[in-house]
Amino acid sequence: MNITETTLLIIGFTGQFFFFMRFFVQWIYSEKHKKSVIPVAFWYFSLLGSICLLVYALLRKDIVFIVGQSTGFIIYTRNLYFIKKERQKLNA
């Protein structure tokens, strides 16, 4: 395996790790609160995973994966924006 393939695998697995962490954090948080809750960290892990997997898809030139991750990136960023606005509103 050459350095390019190794780098691509590292980027891809890093993205998958972040996606795993979002579910893990959500599960732990929900267990703690005894109800289904999506913590802010879920959206950050989603965004990080999406960025890594988008880079991976771009380097692989996989249009299906590029479109899917681009869409997710927009949604995760928008959710973080809503959370920030909500917090600013509560602190005003």
C-alpha atoms as a PDB file:
ATOM      1  CA  MET A   1       0.000   0.000   0.000  1.00  0.00           C
ATOM      2  CA  ASN A   2       1.431   3.382  -0.967  1.00  0.00           C
ATOM      3  CA  ILE A   3       1.360   6.623   1.053  1.00  0.00           C
ATOM      4  CA  THR A   4      -1.659   7.961  -0.863  1.00  0.00           C
ATOM      5  CA  GLU A   5      -3.741   4.878  -0.132  1.00  0.00           C
ATOM      6  CA  THR A   6      -2.652   4.920   3.517  1.00  0.00           C
ATOM      7  CA  THR A   7      -3.550   8.629   3.824  1.00  0.00           C
ATOM      8  CA  LEU A   8      -6.956   8.014   2.257  1.00  0.00           C
ATOM      9  CA  LEU A   9      -7.640   5.179   4.674  1.00  0.00           C
ATOM     10  CA  ILE A  10      -6.637   7.347   7.635  1.00  0.00           C
ATOM     11  CA  ILE A  11      -8.956  10.157   6.478  1.00  0.00           C
ATOM     12  CA  GLY A  12     -11.820   7.732   5.834  1.00  0.00           C
ATOM     13  CA  PHE A  13     -11.471   5.909   9.145  1.00  0.00           C
ATOM     14  CA  THR A  14     -11.148   9.217  11.015  1.00  0.00           C
ATOM     15  CA  GLY A  15     -14.462  10.305   9.517  1.00  0.00           C
ATOM     16  CA  GLN A  16     -16.053   7.002  10.473  1.00  0.00           C
ATOM     17  CA  PHE A  17     -14.674   7.388  14.019  1.00  0.00           C
ATOM     18  CA  PHE A  18     -16.338  10.808  14.357  1.00  0.00           C
ATOM     19  CA  PHE A  19     -19.637   9.402  13.111  1.00  0.00           C
ATOM     20  CA  PHE A  20     -19.352   6.556  15.633  1.00  0.00           C
ATOM     21  CA  MET A  21     -18.609   9.065  18.420  1.00  0.00           C
ATOM     22  CA  ARG A  22     -21.742  11.073  17.688  1.00  0.00           C
ATOM     23  CA  PHE A  23     -23.907   8.012  18.270  1.00  0.00           C
ATOM     24  CA  PHE A  24     -21.889   6.987  21.322  1.00  0.00           C
ATOM     25  CA  VAL A  25     -22.168  10.467  22.899  1.00  0.00           C
ATOM     26  CA  GLN A  26     -25.886  10.599  22.145  1.00  0.00           C
ATOM     27  CA  TRP A  27     -26.428   7.170  23.685  1.00  0.00           C
ATOM     28  CA  ILE A  28     -24.511   8.039  26.896  1.00  0.00           C
ATOM     29  CA  TYR A  29     -26.245  11.413  27.178  1.00  0.00           C
ATOM     30  CA  SER A  30     -29.690   9.863  26.695  1.00  0.00           C
ATOM     31  CA  GLU A  31     -28.945   7.143  29.256  1.00  0.00           C
ATOM     32  CA  LYS A  32     -27.897   9.797  31.756  1.00  0.00           C
ATOM     33  CA  HIS A  33     -31.109  11.767  31.230  1.00  0.00           C
ATOM     34  CA  LYS A  34     -33.349   8.671  30.862  1.00  0.00           C
ATOM     35  CA  LYS A  35     -34.841  10.044  27.632  1.00  0.00           C
ATOM     36  CA  SER A  36     -33.751  10.528  24.039  1.00  0.00           C
ATOM     37  CA  VAL A  37     -31.654  13.687  23.878  1.00  0.00           C
ATOM     38  CA  ILE A  38     -29.315  15.024  21.210  1.00  0.00           C
ATOM     39  CA  PRO A  39     -26.426  16.916  22.846  1.00  0.00           C
ATOM     40  CA  VAL A  40     -24.527  19.679  21.023  1.00  0.00           C
ATOM     41  CA  ALA A  41     -21.486  17.376  20.807  1.00  0.00           C
ATOM     42  CA  PHE A  42     -23.544  15.152  18.472  1.00  0.00           C
ATOM     43  CA  TRP A  43     -23.609  17.955  15.887  1.00  0.00           C
ATOM     44  CA  TYR A  44     -19.892  18.696  16.250  1.00  0.00           C
ATOM     45  CA  PHE A  45     -18.985  15.038  15.761  1.00  0.00           C
ATOM     46  CA  SER A  46     -21.382  14.946  12.798  1.00  0.00           C
ATOM     47  CA  LEU A  47     -19.694  17.982  11.267  1.00  0.00           C
ATOM     48  CA  LEU A  48     -16.178  16.610  11.818  1.00  0.00           C
ATOM     49  CA  GLY A  49     -17.157  13.235  10.406  1.00  0.00           C
ATOM     50  CA  SER A  50     -18.786  14.895   7.422  1.00  0.00           C
ATOM     51  CA  ILE A  51     -15.700  17.017   6.697  1.00  0.00           C
ATOM     52  CA  CYS A  52     -13.350  14.021   6.864  1.00  0.00           C
ATOM     53  CA  LEU A  53     -15.605  11.849   4.724  1.00  0.00           C
ATOM     54  CA  LEU A  54     -16.173  14.682   2.241  1.00  0.00           C
ATOM     55  CA  VAL A  55     -12.399  15.066   1.841  1.00  0.00           C
ATOM     56  CA  TYR A  56     -12.127  11.299   1.443  1.00  0.00           C
ATOM     57  CA  ALA A  57     -14.897  11.287  -1.196  1.00  0.00           C
ATOM     58  CA  LEU A  58     -13.330  14.203  -3.074  1.00  0.00           C
ATOM     59  CA  LEU A  59      -9.950  12.476  -3.167  1.00  0.00           C
ATOM     60  CA  ARG A  60     -11.628   9.267  -4.352  1.00  0.00           C
ATOM     61  CA  LYS A  61     -13.708  11.276  -6.858  1.00  0.00           C
ATOM     62  CA  ASP A  62     -16.873   9.490  -5.721  1.00  0.00           C
ATOM     63  CA  ILE A  63     -19.795  11.713  -6.778  1.00  0.00           C
ATOM     64  CA  VAL A  64     -22.409   9.768  -4.800  1.00  0.00           C
ATOM     65  CA  PHE A  65     -20.423  10.084  -1.584  1.00  0.00           C
ATOM     66  CA  ILE A  66     -19.583  13.750  -2.338  1.00  0.00           C
ATOM     67  CA  VAL A  67     -23.250  14.687  -2.724  1.00  0.00           C
ATOM     68  CA  GLY A  68     -24.235  12.776   0.432  1.00  0.00           C
ATOM     69  CA  GLN A  69     -21.537  14.292   2.620  1.00  0.00           C
ATOM     70  CA  SER A  70     -22.037  17.799   1.218  1.00  0.00           C
ATOM     71  CA  THR A  71     -25.706  17.643   2.163  1.00  0.00           C
ATOM     72  CA  GLY A  72     -24.883  16.424   5.662  1.00  0.00           C
ATOM     73  CA  PHE A  73     -22.285  19.168   6.101  1.00  0.00           C
ATOM     74  CA  ILE A  74     -24.914  21.827   5.351  1.00  0.00           C
ATOM     75  CA  ILE A  75     -27.461  20.271   7.728  1.00  0.00           C
ATOM     76  CA  TYR A  76     -24.977  19.875  10.616  1.00  0.00           C
ATOM     77  CA  THR A  77     -23.692  23.421  10.199  1.00  0.00           C
ATOM     78  CA  ARG A  78     -27.255  24.749  10.129  1.00  0.00           C
ATOM     79  CA  ASN A  79     -28.154  22.898  13.342  1.00  0.00           C
ATOM     80  CA  LEU A  80     -25.104  24.346  15.094  1.00  0.00           C
ATOM     81  CA  TYR A  81     -26.141  27.804  13.866  1.00  0.00           C
ATOM     82  CA  PHE A  82     -29.639  27.319  15.345  1.00  0.00           C
ATOM     83  CA  ILE A  83     -28.138  26.187  18.657  1.00  0.00           C
ATOM     84  CA  LYS A  84     -25.850  29.233  18.764  1.00  0.00           C
ATOM     85  CA  LYS A  85     -28.768  31.589  18.022  1.00  0.00           C
ATOM     86  CA  GLU A  86     -30.885  29.926  20.714  1.00  0.00           C
ATOM     87  CA  ARG A  87     -28.124  30.309  23.298  1.00  0.00           C
ATOM     88  CA  GLN A  88     -27.568  33.962  22.382  1.00  0.00           C
ATOM     89  CA  LYS A  89     -31.287  34.569  22.705  1.00  0.00           C
ATOM     90  CA  LEU A  90     -31.369  32.949  26.165  1.00  0.00           C
ATOM     91  CA  ASN A  91     -28.335  34.975  27.328  1.00  0.00           C
ATOM     92  CA  ALA A  92     -29.726  38.308  26.079  1.00  0.00           C
END
